[in-house]
Protein backbone atom coordinates (compact mmCIF):
# COMPACT_ATOMS: atom_id res chain seq x y z
CA MET A 1 11.33 17.83 -5.94
CA GLU A 2 12.04 18.05 -2.25
CA ALA A 3 11.49 15.27 0.27
CA ARG A 4 9.06 15.71 3.15
CA ARG A 5 9.92 13.86 6.34
CA LEU A 6 7.16 11.89 8.09
CA SER A 7 7.62 10.67 11.67
CA TRP A 8 6.49 7.35 13.13
CA SER A 9 3.72 9.30 14.82
CA ASP A 10 2.64 10.71 11.44
CA VAL A 11 2.65 7.22 9.93
CA LEU A 12 0.59 5.82 12.80
CA GLY A 13 -1.99 8.59 12.46
CA LEU A 14 -2.22 8.16 8.69
CA ALA A 15 -2.54 4.37 8.99
CA LEU A 16 -5.30 4.72 11.57
CA THR A 17 -7.09 7.06 9.16
CA LEU A 18 -6.89 4.37 6.45
CA ALA A 19 -8.25 1.76 8.85
CA GLU A 20 -11.27 3.90 9.70
CA GLU A 21 -11.90 4.62 6.01
CA ALA A 22 -11.82 0.90 5.21
CA ARG A 23 -13.84 -0.23 8.24
CA SER A 24 -17.15 -0.36 6.35
CA ASP A 25 -15.60 -2.76 3.79
CA ALA A 26 -15.09 -5.29 6.60
CA PRO A 27 -11.93 -6.80 5.05
CA GLN A 28 -11.22 -10.43 5.85
CA ALA A 29 -7.56 -10.19 4.83
CA VAL A 30 -4.96 -7.44 4.57
CA VAL A 31 -2.20 -7.60 1.97
CA ALA A 32 0.90 -5.48 2.49
CA VAL A 33 2.95 -4.34 -0.48
CA LEU A 34 6.54 -4.79 0.67
CA ARG A 35 8.48 -3.06 1.91
CA GLY A 36 6.88 0.24 2.84
CA GLY A 37 3.36 -1.13 3.05
CA ILE A 38 4.13 -3.52 5.90
CA TYR A 39 3.97 -0.92 8.66
CA PRO A 40 0.64 0.65 7.72
CA ALA A 41 -0.77 -2.81 6.88
CA LEU A 42 0.04 -4.01 10.41
CA VAL A 43 -1.78 -1.01 11.87
CA VAL A 44 -4.80 -1.46 9.57
CA ALA A 45 -5.05 -5.19 10.32
CA SER A 46 -4.71 -4.63 14.06
CA ARG A 47 -7.20 -1.76 14.20
CA LEU A 48 -9.79 -3.70 12.20
CA GLY A 49 -9.20 -7.00 14.00
CA VAL A 50 -8.14 -8.77 10.81
CA GLU A 51 -5.98 -11.78 11.63
CA ARG A 52 -4.96 -12.71 8.08
CA LEU A 53 -2.03 -10.60 6.86
CA TYR A 54 -0.18 -11.49 3.66
CA THR A 55 2.57 -9.86 1.60
CA VAL A 56 3.36 -9.17 -2.03
CA GLU A 57 6.49 -7.56 -3.38
CA PHE A 58 6.83 -5.70 -6.64
CA ARG A 59 9.75 -3.69 -7.97
CA LYS A 60 9.22 -0.67 -10.20
CA TYR A 61 11.20 2.07 -8.46
CA SER A 62 14.53 2.21 -6.68
CA ASP A 63 14.73 2.98 -2.97
CA ASP A 64 16.42 6.32 -3.72
CA LYS A 65 14.82 9.58 -2.61
CA PRO A 66 13.45 10.67 -4.99
CA PRO A 67 12.98 7.17 -6.44
CA GLN A 68 14.20 6.30 -9.91
CA GLU A 69 12.00 4.26 -12.23
CA LEU A 70 13.51 0.82 -12.86
CA SER A 71 10.85 -0.50 -15.23
CA LYS A 72 7.63 0.64 -16.88
CA LYS A 73 5.53 -2.08 -15.27
CA PRO A 74 5.79 -3.42 -11.72
CA MET A 75 7.73 -6.69 -11.62
CA LEU A 76 6.46 -9.32 -9.18
CA ILE A 77 9.37 -10.30 -6.94
CA GLY A 78 7.48 -12.52 -4.52
CA GLU A 79 4.16 -13.15 -2.85
CA GLU A 80 2.81 -15.11 0.08
CA VAL A 81 -0.92 -15.14 -0.59
CA PRO A 82 -2.93 -18.37 -0.47
CA ARG A 83 -5.98 -19.11 -2.57
CA LEU A 84 -8.70 -16.63 -1.61
CA ASN A 85 -12.25 -17.86 -1.77
CA GLY A 86 -14.26 -14.74 -2.45
CA GLU A 87 -12.82 -12.93 0.58
CA ARG A 88 -12.86 -9.16 0.93
CA VAL A 89 -9.27 -7.94 0.83
CA ILE A 90 -7.56 -4.60 1.29
CA VAL A 91 -4.12 -3.96 -0.25
CA VAL A 92 -1.99 -1.47 1.71
CA ASP A 93 1.09 0.39 0.47
CA ASP A 94 3.01 3.43 1.66
CA VAL A 95 2.78 5.65 -1.43
CA ALA A 96 1.15 5.76 -4.86
CA ARG A 97 2.57 7.82 -7.68
CA THR A 98 1.03 6.15 -10.73
CA GLY A 99 -1.02 3.43 -9.04
CA SER A 100 0.44 0.71 -11.26
CA THR A 101 1.71 -1.37 -8.33
CA LEU A 102 -1.70 -1.24 -6.67
CA LYS A 103 -3.32 -2.29 -9.93
CA ALA A 104 -0.87 -5.20 -10.32
CA ALA A 105 -1.52 -6.30 -6.72
CA LYS A 106 -5.29 -6.12 -7.22
CA GLU A 107 -5.05 -8.22 -10.40
CA LEU A 108 -2.88 -10.79 -8.62
CA LEU A 109 -5.38 -11.11 -5.75
CA GLU A 110 -8.31 -11.40 -8.14
CA SER A 111 -6.44 -14.21 -9.93
CA LYS A 112 -6.20 -15.95 -6.55
CA GLY A 113 -9.98 -15.81 -6.11
CA ALA A 114 -10.45 -12.69 -3.99
CA GLY A 115 -13.94 -11.23 -4.03
CA GLN A 116 -13.79 -7.52 -3.32
CA VAL A 117 -10.30 -5.98 -3.49
CA LYS A 118 -9.83 -2.43 -2.21
CA THR A 119 -6.56 -0.50 -2.21
CA ALA A 120 -5.18 2.01 0.28
CA VAL A 121 -2.03 4.10 0.61
CA LEU A 122 -0.68 6.48 3.19
CA VAL A 123 0.40 9.06 0.59
CA LEU A 124 -1.05 9.85 -2.82
CA ARG A 125 1.48 11.84 -4.87
CA SER A 126 -0.55 12.69 -7.98
CA ARG A 127 -4.19 13.45 -8.67
CA THR A 128 -3.83 12.04 -12.20
CA VAL A 129 -2.79 8.48 -11.39
CA ALA A 130 -3.48 5.74 -13.92
CA TYR A 131 -5.04 3.65 -11.14
CA ALA A 132 -6.35 5.57 -8.14
CA PRO A 133 -6.40 3.90 -4.73
CA ASP A 134 -9.77 3.47 -3.07
CA TYR A 135 -8.38 5.18 0.03
CA TYR A 136 -5.49 7.49 0.80
CA ALA A 137 -4.66 9.30 4.01
CA ILE A 138 -2.85 12.38 2.66
CA PHE A 139 -2.01 14.00 -0.67
CA MET A 140 1.43 15.53 -1.18
CA LYS A 141 3.46 16.36 -4.24
CA ASP A 142 6.74 16.19 -2.31
CA CYS A 143 8.52 12.88 -2.06
CA PRO A 144 7.66 11.41 1.37
CA LEU A 145 10.60 10.37 3.52
CA PHE A 146 9.32 7.65 5.82
CA PRO A 147 11.05 6.69 9.08
CA TRP A 148 12.08 3.33 7.59
CA ASP A 149 13.80 5.12 4.71
CA GLU A 150 16.27 6.88 6.99
CA GLN A 151 19.70 5.39 7.36
CA GLY A 152 21.84 5.39 10.45
């Protein structure tokens, strides 16, 4: 499968789309899935005026393009999320292929006491994901090549 290059301008536009989609949920916290989710999460949090931004990191795929599967289930590498007391939270990542990382993040946040947990990605790569995000900005079968993926 070929890679499709997305510019910073593309990413900004897609992230703003996610923010507008999620506006009616009135999230009280935004959780970025590291690493690729940090950029769109910053845009979503800023656009919606959400001051609480946290991170989680899972590893399932390599950083190669196209990515190689490293394990069947996402492995939690680290997280910086405090106890959530029924807050409405949105999890933001760059891409979803199977949705398993989003599902793992949602379960983690629920275990920390989150109320409503919604999920959002810039790019959805399959219409038959095991766990579909609540919001996605664009569908593409090609492997997205984000600006932060480029070397040099």
